[in-house]
């Protein structure tokens, strides 16, 4: 049986690979938050985790968007190398990397 990924497990995997996590902090504008550039991991439902690359700008340049897409590809490479099944983003404005399960061949 395949093992379901958890947000904590995927985040730990990315951290061990040397990636920086995005950190949220209050902004001067009430109700808005600032975000540092880095990965964001969200548990969407049991057995499915989404991984995004957060940019630090509200309106990123084309170069920043491209860098974000490249970074998401790096995240996907690390996650796949650990044996998880991955669906890569659609190449649009950052479709998430979707992690679905740890393959049975790597369990055990």
Protein backbone atom coordinates (compact mmCIF):
# COMPACT_ATOMS: atom_id res chain seq x y z
CA UNK A 1 0.00 0.00 0.00
CA UNK A 2 1.32 3.46 -0.91
CA UNK A 3 2.01 5.87 1.94
CA UNK A 4 0.23 9.24 1.90
CA UNK A 5 2.45 12.34 2.06
CA UNK A 6 2.06 14.87 4.87
CA UNK A 7 2.79 18.59 4.71
CA UNK A 8 5.26 18.18 7.60
CA UNK A 9 7.12 15.35 5.84
CA UNK A 10 7.38 17.16 2.50
CA UNK A 11 8.46 20.39 4.21
CA UNK A 12 11.17 18.51 6.13
CA UNK A 13 12.34 16.88 2.90
CA UNK A 14 12.70 20.27 1.17
CA UNK A 15 14.40 21.81 4.20
CA UNK A 16 16.93 18.93 4.33
CA UNK A 17 17.63 19.52 0.62
CA UNK A 18 18.65 23.09 1.48
CA UNK A 19 15.59 25.02 0.29
CA UNK A 20 14.30 28.04 2.20
CA UNK A 21 10.72 28.13 3.44
CA UNK A 22 8.61 31.24 2.81
CA UNK A 23 7.97 33.16 6.02
CA UNK A 24 4.92 35.37 6.53
CA UNK A 25 5.10 38.56 8.57
CA UNK A 26 2.72 41.48 9.26
CA UNK A 27 2.78 44.39 6.84
CA UNK A 28 2.06 48.05 7.47
CA UNK A 29 -1.27 47.66 5.68
CA UNK A 30 -3.91 46.15 7.94
CA UNK A 31 -5.05 42.75 6.69
CA UNK A 32 -2.07 42.19 4.37
CA UNK A 33 1.04 40.15 5.07
CA UNK A 34 4.55 40.20 3.67
CA UNK A 35 6.09 36.94 2.47
CA UNK A 36 9.71 36.04 1.97
CA UNK A 37 10.60 34.11 -1.16
CA UNK A 38 10.64 30.34 -0.68
CA UNK A 39 8.57 27.18 -0.65
CA UNK A 40 5.08 26.84 0.78
CA UNK A 41 3.60 23.41 1.53
CA UNK A 42 -0.14 22.93 2.01
CA UNK A 43 -2.11 19.82 2.84
CA UNK A 44 -5.13 19.95 0.57
CA UNK A 45 -6.78 16.66 1.48
CA UNK A 46 -5.70 13.32 2.85
CA UNK A 47 -3.17 11.89 0.44
CA UNK A 48 -2.50 15.11 -1.45
CA UNK A 49 -0.01 17.89 -0.71
CA UNK A 50 0.56 21.03 -2.81
CA UNK A 51 3.95 22.72 -3.01
CA UNK A 52 4.27 26.30 -4.29
CA UNK A 53 7.10 28.76 -4.70
CA UNK A 54 6.17 32.04 -3.05
CA UNK A 55 7.60 35.16 -4.63
CA UNK A 56 8.26 38.15 -2.41
CA UNK A 57 6.69 40.70 -4.79
CA UNK A 58 3.01 41.39 -5.23
CA UNK A 59 3.49 41.98 -8.97
CA UNK A 60 6.49 39.89 -10.02
CA UNK A 61 8.45 40.48 -13.20
CA UNK A 62 8.56 37.88 -15.97
CA UNK A 63 12.08 36.95 -14.84
CA UNK A 64 10.84 36.39 -11.26
CA UNK A 65 7.97 34.21 -12.51
CA UNK A 66 10.41 32.16 -14.58
CA UNK A 67 12.70 31.76 -11.57
CA UNK A 68 9.68 30.59 -9.54
CA UNK A 69 8.75 27.98 -12.15
CA UNK A 70 12.35 26.74 -12.21
CA UNK A 71 12.38 26.53 -8.42
CA UNK A 72 9.17 24.48 -8.42
CA UNK A 73 10.83 22.09 -10.88
CA UNK A 74 13.72 21.72 -8.42
CA UNK A 75 11.27 20.98 -5.60
CA UNK A 76 9.58 18.35 -7.78
CA UNK A 77 12.94 16.75 -8.63
CA UNK A 78 13.83 16.38 -4.93
CA UNK A 79 10.40 15.04 -4.02
CA UNK A 80 10.46 12.50 -6.89
CA UNK A 81 13.98 11.41 -5.94
CA UNK A 82 12.61 10.59 -2.47
CA UNK A 83 10.12 8.22 -4.12
CA UNK A 84 6.95 10.28 -4.06
CA UNK A 85 4.59 10.46 -7.01
CA UNK A 86 4.49 14.03 -8.32
CA UNK A 87 2.32 15.93 -10.77
CA UNK A 88 4.14 19.05 -11.89
CA UNK A 89 2.41 22.41 -12.27
CA UNK A 90 0.84 23.29 -15.59
CA UNK A 91 3.47 25.91 -16.45
CA UNK A 92 0.91 28.68 -16.14
CA UNK A 93 1.23 31.16 -13.32
CA UNK A 94 2.54 28.54 -10.95
CA UNK A 95 0.24 25.58 -10.96
CA UNK A 96 1.38 23.77 -7.80
CA UNK A 97 3.57 20.70 -7.58
CA UNK A 98 1.10 18.05 -6.38
CA UNK A 99 2.48 15.23 -4.25
CA UNK A 100 0.16 12.24 -4.13
CA UNK A 101 1.89 9.18 -2.61
CA UNK A 102 5.12 7.49 -1.67
CA UNK A 103 5.58 4.72 -4.22
CA UNK A 104 5.46 1.17 -2.89
CA UNK A 105 8.90 0.36 -4.29
CA UNK A 106 10.54 2.83 -1.86
CA UNK A 107 8.58 1.79 1.22
CA UNK A 108 9.71 -0.69 3.68
